[in-house]
Amino acid sequence: MKRAQDLLEGLVRQVRPPRGCAIALTERKPKNDSDPNWLAGAGIMPEDATNRYSQAVFELGKLHPRIEWAGVTEFDGEYRRIARWHSEVEQPTSR
C-alpha cells in the first residue's frame, strides 16, 4: 500500500503546480469497497496544470484507491491532511 506522503509527492511532481499553489490530500472514510480513502485538492491553476492534475488524480485513484496514512500527524477536523508545494518536493536526479 502506498504511503500518503509518497502519493502526494508523486502527484506534485506530475502536476508541477505554479508557485503559490499547493496540492493537498485529505483522508476520507470510504463509502464502499471500491471507494478511495483519500481526496485530492488544489487551488486555482492555469489550464495546462489543471489538465495534468485531473489526469493524474484520475490515474492515481485507479492505481491506489487506498493509501497508508500512518505518519501523517496534521488533522483537518477528524481526518488527516497533508499538503505540499512544488518547491518542497525534491526532484529526482537524472543520471
Protein backbone atom coordinates (compact mmCIF):
# COMPACT_ATOMS: atom_id res chain seq x y z
CA MET A 1 0.00 0.00 0.00
CA LYS A 2 1.40 3.39 -0.99
CA ARG A 3 2.07 5.95 1.75
CA ALA A 4 0.14 9.24 1.61
CA GLN A 5 3.40 11.20 1.57
CA ASP A 6 4.72 9.26 -1.44
CA LEU A 7 1.47 9.52 -3.39
CA LEU A 8 1.30 13.27 -2.79
CA GLU A 9 4.91 13.93 -3.75
CA GLY A 10 4.47 11.93 -6.98
CA LEU A 11 1.29 13.87 -7.73
CA VAL A 12 3.04 17.21 -7.19
CA ARG A 13 5.90 16.14 -9.50
CA GLN A 14 3.42 15.15 -12.22
CA VAL A 15 1.28 18.27 -11.97
CA ARG A 16 4.04 20.86 -11.41
CA PRO A 17 1.60 23.38 -9.89
CA PRO A 18 2.53 27.05 -10.23
CA ARG A 19 4.29 28.90 -7.46
CA GLY A 20 1.87 29.65 -4.63
CA CYS A 21 -0.41 26.67 -5.31
CA ALA A 22 -0.17 23.67 -3.00
CA ILE A 23 -1.74 20.28 -3.58
CA ALA A 24 -3.31 18.51 -0.61
CA LEU A 25 -4.56 15.03 0.21
CA THR A 26 -7.27 14.58 2.81
CA GLU A 27 -8.18 11.29 4.41
CA ARG A 28 -11.77 10.20 3.95
CA LYS A 29 -13.93 7.34 5.05
CA PRO A 30 -14.78 5.14 2.04
CA LYS A 31 -18.48 4.57 1.39
CA ASN A 32 -17.88 1.14 -0.15
CA ASP A 33 -15.06 -1.26 -1.01
CA SER A 34 -14.18 0.43 -4.30
CA ASP A 35 -14.21 3.96 -2.87
CA PRO A 36 -10.80 5.60 -2.25
CA ASN A 37 -9.77 6.60 1.27
CA TRP A 38 -8.37 9.92 0.06
CA LEU A 39 -9.37 13.11 -1.73
CA ALA A 40 -7.02 15.47 -3.56
CA GLY A 41 -7.43 19.21 -3.70
CA ALA A 42 -5.60 22.13 -5.26
CA GLY A 43 -6.00 25.84 -5.71
CA ILE A 44 -6.61 27.72 -8.93
CA MET A 45 -4.11 26.76 -11.62
CA PRO A 46 -3.59 27.51 -15.30
CA GLU A 47 -5.40 25.22 -17.72
CA ASP A 48 -2.36 23.06 -18.54
CA ALA A 49 -1.66 22.37 -14.85
CA THR A 50 -5.36 21.74 -14.19
CA ASN A 51 -5.42 19.19 -17.01
CA ARG A 52 -2.30 17.44 -15.64
CA TYR A 53 -3.86 17.46 -12.16
CA SER A 54 -7.19 15.99 -13.32
CA GLN A 55 -5.49 13.23 -15.32
CA ALA A 56 -3.03 12.37 -12.53
CA VAL A 57 -5.73 12.22 -9.82
CA PHE A 58 -7.89 10.01 -12.04
CA GLU A 59 -5.00 7.59 -12.72
CA LEU A 60 -3.79 7.52 -9.11
CA GLY A 61 -7.32 6.89 -7.89
CA LYS A 62 -7.48 3.78 -10.07
CA LEU A 63 -3.97 2.56 -9.16
CA HIS A 64 -4.03 3.44 -5.46
CA PRO A 65 -7.59 3.76 -4.15
CA ARG A 66 -6.36 3.07 -0.61
CA ILE A 67 -3.26 4.68 0.83
CA GLU A 68 -1.48 4.37 4.17
CA TRP A 69 -1.98 7.40 6.42
CA ALA A 70 0.49 6.36 9.14
CA GLY A 71 2.98 9.12 9.82
CA VAL A 72 0.62 11.96 8.84
CA THR A 73 0.01 13.94 12.00
CA GLU A 74 -1.81 17.04 10.72
CA PHE A 75 -5.60 16.91 11.04
CA ASP A 76 -8.41 18.83 9.40
CA GLY A 77 -11.25 18.09 11.78
CA GLU A 78 -11.32 14.33 12.32
CA TYR A 79 -9.38 13.43 9.15
CA ARG A 80 -5.67 13.57 8.43
CA ARG A 81 -4.43 16.01 5.82
CA ILE A 82 -1.12 16.59 4.09
CA ALA A 83 -0.13 19.32 1.63
CA ARG A 84 2.96 20.08 -0.45
CA TRP A 85 4.16 22.97 -2.59
CA HIS A 86 6.14 22.14 -5.72
CA SER A 87 9.22 23.77 -4.17
CA GLU A 88 9.01 21.33 -1.21
CA VAL A 89 9.15 18.21 -3.33
CA GLU A 90 12.63 17.01 -4.07
CA GLN A 91 13.08 16.47 -7.78
CA PRO A 92 14.62 13.12 -8.73
CA THR A 93 18.13 13.46 -10.06
CA SER A 94 18.79 12.19 -13.55
CA ARG A 95 21.96 10.25 -14.21
